[in-house]
Amino acid sequence: MSGFVDAWFDIQAAIDVVGEIVTLRRLTGPLQIPFDVTTRAVVVGFQPDELVGGIIQGDKRVIMGPRDLTVRQWPQPPRKGDQIIIRGRINTIEGVDDVSLGGVTVRYNILVRGAEQ
């Protein structure tokens, strides 16, 4: 099992080094009250040749680990409709792929769309 733990720490350490600070937000209840968590994530745009299968110009790929979400008791996993605030702009999650090793989530690959201020 230590191989999985080492991989988890390696992935999180890489995100901590090269990632930027973002806010993950879930709007809850009939009043749509925001439940936020601040974490580090790697944010990458798509190249023109990657704009296929529903991906459009302006979409972004966000890679984040589960550590900060777990520590701050944010309900996991992120899901479609949640928001990620990147560089002060609100983006909406379109899809999430969780990457697991040995049944343990080590990272989320997230597709986001939009950029509202």
C-alpha atoms as a PDB file:
ATOM      1  CA  MET A   1       0.000   0.000   0.000  1.00  0.00           C
ATOM      2  CA  SER A   2       2.909   2.384   0.589  1.00  0.00           C
ATOM      3  CA  GLY A   3       3.400   2.636  -3.186  1.00  0.00           C
ATOM      4  CA  PHE A   4      -0.095   4.114  -3.482  1.00  0.00           C
ATOM      5  CA  VAL A   5       0.510   6.490  -0.588  1.00  0.00           C
ATOM      6  CA  ASP A   6       3.799   7.617  -2.143  1.00  0.00           C
ATOM      7  CA  ALA A   7       2.060   8.183  -5.492  1.00  0.00           C
ATOM      8  CA  TRP A   8      -0.683  10.213  -3.779  1.00  0.00           C
ATOM      9  CA  PHE A   9       1.889  12.395  -2.029  1.00  0.00           C
ATOM     10  CA  ASP A  10       3.890  12.799  -5.264  1.00  0.00           C
ATOM     11  CA  ILE A  11       0.814  13.926  -7.216  1.00  0.00           C
ATOM     12  CA  GLN A  12      -0.267  16.347  -4.479  1.00  0.00           C
ATOM     13  CA  ALA A  13       3.292  17.708  -4.133  1.00  0.00           C
ATOM     14  CA  ALA A  14       3.473  18.378  -7.886  1.00  0.00           C
ATOM     15  CA  ILE A  15       0.138  20.231  -7.785  1.00  0.00           C
ATOM     16  CA  ASP A  16       1.380  22.249  -4.789  1.00  0.00           C
ATOM     17  CA  VAL A  17       4.537  23.270  -6.660  1.00  0.00           C
ATOM     18  CA  VAL A  18       3.129  24.198 -10.077  1.00  0.00           C
ATOM     19  CA  GLY A  19      -0.528  24.858  -9.266  1.00  0.00           C
ATOM     20  CA  GLU A  20      -2.282  28.124  -8.595  1.00  0.00           C
ATOM     21  CA  ILE A  21      -4.799  29.005  -5.918  1.00  0.00           C
ATOM     22  CA  VAL A  22      -8.424  28.454  -6.970  1.00  0.00           C
ATOM     23  CA  THR A  23     -11.735  28.335  -5.125  1.00  0.00           C
ATOM     24  CA  LEU A  24     -14.065  25.386  -5.561  1.00  0.00           C
ATOM     25  CA  ARG A  25     -17.689  26.341  -4.914  1.00  0.00           C
ATOM     26  CA  ARG A  26     -20.911  24.384  -4.497  1.00  0.00           C
ATOM     27  CA  LEU A  27     -24.171  26.324  -4.299  1.00  0.00           C
ATOM     28  CA  THR A  28     -26.471  24.687  -1.760  1.00  0.00           C
ATOM     29  CA  GLY A  29     -30.110  24.883  -0.777  1.00  0.00           C
ATOM     30  CA  PRO A  30     -32.962  26.921  -2.201  1.00  0.00           C
ATOM     31  CA  LEU A  31     -31.087  30.170  -1.503  1.00  0.00           C
ATOM     32  CA  GLN A  32     -28.021  28.868  -3.377  1.00  0.00           C
ATOM     33  CA  ILE A  33     -25.638  29.572  -0.490  1.00  0.00           C
ATOM     34  CA  PRO A  34     -22.003  29.095  -1.565  1.00  0.00           C
ATOM     35  CA  PHE A  35     -19.914  26.445   0.181  1.00  0.00           C
ATOM     36  CA  ASP A  36     -16.302  27.233  -0.787  1.00  0.00           C
ATOM     37  CA  VAL A  37     -12.907  25.605  -0.385  1.00  0.00           C
ATOM     38  CA  THR A  38      -9.624  27.144  -1.465  1.00  0.00           C
ATOM     39  CA  THR A  39      -7.068  24.768  -2.918  1.00  0.00           C
ATOM     40  CA  ARG A  40      -4.233  24.573  -5.404  1.00  0.00           C
ATOM     41  CA  ALA A  41      -4.846  23.297  -8.917  1.00  0.00           C
ATOM     42  CA  VAL A  42      -3.103  23.148 -12.250  1.00  0.00           C
ATOM     43  CA  VAL A  43      -5.139  25.088 -14.830  1.00  0.00           C
ATOM     44  CA  VAL A  44      -4.446  24.487 -18.509  1.00  0.00           C
ATOM     45  CA  GLY A  45      -6.209  25.684 -21.652  1.00  0.00           C
ATOM     46  CA  PHE A  46      -6.841  23.509 -24.666  1.00  0.00           C
ATOM     47  CA  GLN A  47      -4.871  23.722 -27.908  1.00  0.00           C
ATOM     48  CA  PRO A  48      -6.853  24.372 -31.122  1.00  0.00           C
ATOM     49  CA  ASP A  49      -6.446  20.749 -32.251  1.00  0.00           C
ATOM     50  CA  GLU A  50      -8.005  19.574 -28.956  1.00  0.00           C
ATOM     51  CA  LEU A  51     -11.299  21.419 -29.557  1.00  0.00           C
ATOM     52  CA  VAL A  52     -13.287  18.279 -30.394  1.00  0.00           C
ATOM     53  CA  GLY A  53     -16.030  16.248 -28.751  1.00  0.00           C
ATOM     54  CA  GLY A  54     -17.848  19.161 -27.183  1.00  0.00           C
ATOM     55  CA  ILE A  55     -14.754  21.036 -25.995  1.00  0.00           C
ATOM     56  CA  ILE A  56     -14.937  24.670 -27.090  1.00  0.00           C
ATOM     57  CA  GLN A  57     -12.546  27.587 -27.149  1.00  0.00           C
ATOM     58  CA  GLY A  58     -12.165  28.993 -23.643  1.00  0.00           C
ATOM     59  CA  ASP A  59     -12.710  25.664 -21.867  1.00  0.00           C
ATOM     60  CA  LYS A  60     -10.036  24.713 -19.354  1.00  0.00           C
ATOM     61  CA  ARG A  61      -8.634  21.558 -17.836  1.00  0.00           C
ATOM     62  CA  VAL A  62      -8.229  21.765 -14.046  1.00  0.00           C
ATOM     63  CA  ILE A  63      -6.210  19.171 -12.146  1.00  0.00           C
ATOM     64  CA  MET A  64      -6.589  19.118  -8.374  1.00  0.00           C
ATOM     65  CA  GLY A  65      -5.898  16.697  -5.571  1.00  0.00           C
ATOM     66  CA  PRO A  66      -8.400  15.689  -2.895  1.00  0.00           C
ATOM     67  CA  ARG A  67      -6.257  16.662   0.122  1.00  0.00           C
ATOM     68  CA  ASP A  68      -7.559  20.188   0.780  1.00  0.00           C
ATOM     69  CA  LEU A  69     -11.131  19.115   0.071  1.00  0.00           C
ATOM     70  CA  THR A  70     -10.820  16.302   2.611  1.00  0.00           C
ATOM     71  CA  VAL A  71      -9.104  18.417   5.275  1.00  0.00           C
ATOM     72  CA  ARG A  72     -11.719  21.170   4.948  1.00  0.00           C
ATOM     73  CA  GLN A  73     -14.613  18.670   4.778  1.00  0.00           C
ATOM     74  CA  TRP A  74     -15.781  19.812   1.362  1.00  0.00           C
ATOM     75  CA  PRO A  75     -18.196  17.200  -0.084  1.00  0.00           C
ATOM     76  CA  GLN A  76     -16.396  15.137  -2.684  1.00  0.00           C
ATOM     77  CA  PRO A  77     -16.191  14.558  -5.534  1.00  0.00           C
ATOM     78  CA  PRO A  78     -16.602  17.854  -7.379  1.00  0.00           C
ATOM     79  CA  ARG A  79     -19.537  17.486  -9.768  1.00  0.00           C
ATOM     80  CA  LYS A  80     -21.090  18.990 -12.853  1.00  0.00           C
ATOM     81  CA  GLY A  81     -22.597  22.377 -12.010  1.00  0.00           C
ATOM     82  CA  ASP A  82     -20.120  23.193  -9.234  1.00  0.00           C
ATOM     83  CA  GLN A  83     -17.987  26.253  -9.865  1.00  0.00           C
ATOM     84  CA  ILE A  84     -14.268  26.956  -9.810  1.00  0.00           C
ATOM     85  CA  ILE A  85     -13.099  30.525  -9.414  1.00  0.00           C
ATOM     86  CA  ILE A  86      -9.884  30.926 -11.390  1.00  0.00           C
ATOM     87  CA  ARG A  87      -8.044  34.244 -11.365  1.00  0.00           C
ATOM     88  CA  GLY A  88     -11.197  35.975 -10.122  1.00  0.00           C
ATOM     89  CA  ARG A  89     -13.467  34.509 -12.812  1.00  0.00           C
ATOM     90  CA  ILE A  90     -16.255  31.995 -12.218  1.00  0.00           C
ATOM     91  CA  ASN A  91     -16.088  28.830 -14.329  1.00  0.00           C
ATOM     92  CA  THR A  92     -18.679  26.047 -14.269  1.00  0.00           C
ATOM     93  CA  ILE A  93     -17.692  22.392 -14.046  1.00  0.00           C
ATOM     94  CA  GLU A  94     -18.839  20.442 -17.105  1.00  0.00           C
ATOM     95  CA  GLY A  95     -17.316  17.099 -16.184  1.00  0.00           C
ATOM     96  CA  VAL A  96     -15.094  15.351 -13.637  1.00  0.00           C
ATOM     97  CA  ASP A  97     -12.907  12.279 -13.973  1.00  0.00           C
ATOM     98  CA  ASP A  98     -11.481  11.000 -10.715  1.00  0.00           C
ATOM     99  CA  VAL A  99      -8.163   9.171 -10.952  1.00  0.00           C
ATOM    100  CA  SER A 100      -7.710   6.403  -8.411  1.00  0.00           C
ATOM    101  CA  LEU A 101      -4.848   4.144  -7.388  1.00  0.00           C
ATOM    102  CA  GLY A 102      -5.701   1.106  -5.308  1.00  0.00           C
ATOM    103  CA  GLY A 103      -9.243   2.405  -4.832  1.00  0.00           C
ATOM    104  CA  VAL A 104      -8.034   5.736  -3.430  1.00  0.00           C
ATOM    105  CA  THR A 105      -8.738   8.971  -5.328  1.00  0.00           C
ATOM    106  CA  VAL A 106      -5.426  10.712  -5.988  1.00  0.00           C
ATOM    107  CA  ARG A 107      -6.559  13.449  -8.350  1.00  0.00           C
ATOM    108  CA  TYR A 108      -9.515  15.011 -10.150  1.00  0.00           C
ATOM    109  CA  ASN A 109      -9.350  15.911 -13.834  1.00  0.00           C
ATOM    110  CA  ILE A 110     -11.990  18.576 -14.318  1.00  0.00           C
ATOM    111  CA  LEU A 111     -13.368  20.247 -17.458  1.00  0.00           C
ATOM    112  CA  VAL A 112     -14.620  23.792 -16.832  1.00  0.00           C
ATOM    113  CA  ARG A 113     -16.426  26.267 -19.065  1.00  0.00           C
ATOM    114  CA  GLY A 114     -17.103  29.954 -18.981  1.00  0.00           C
ATOM    115  CA  ALA A 115     -15.523  32.841 -17.258  1.00  0.00           C
ATOM    116  CA  GLU A 116     -17.889  35.248 -15.519  1.00  0.00           C
ATOM    117  CA  GLN A 117     -16.671  38.059 -13.325  1.00  0.00           C
END
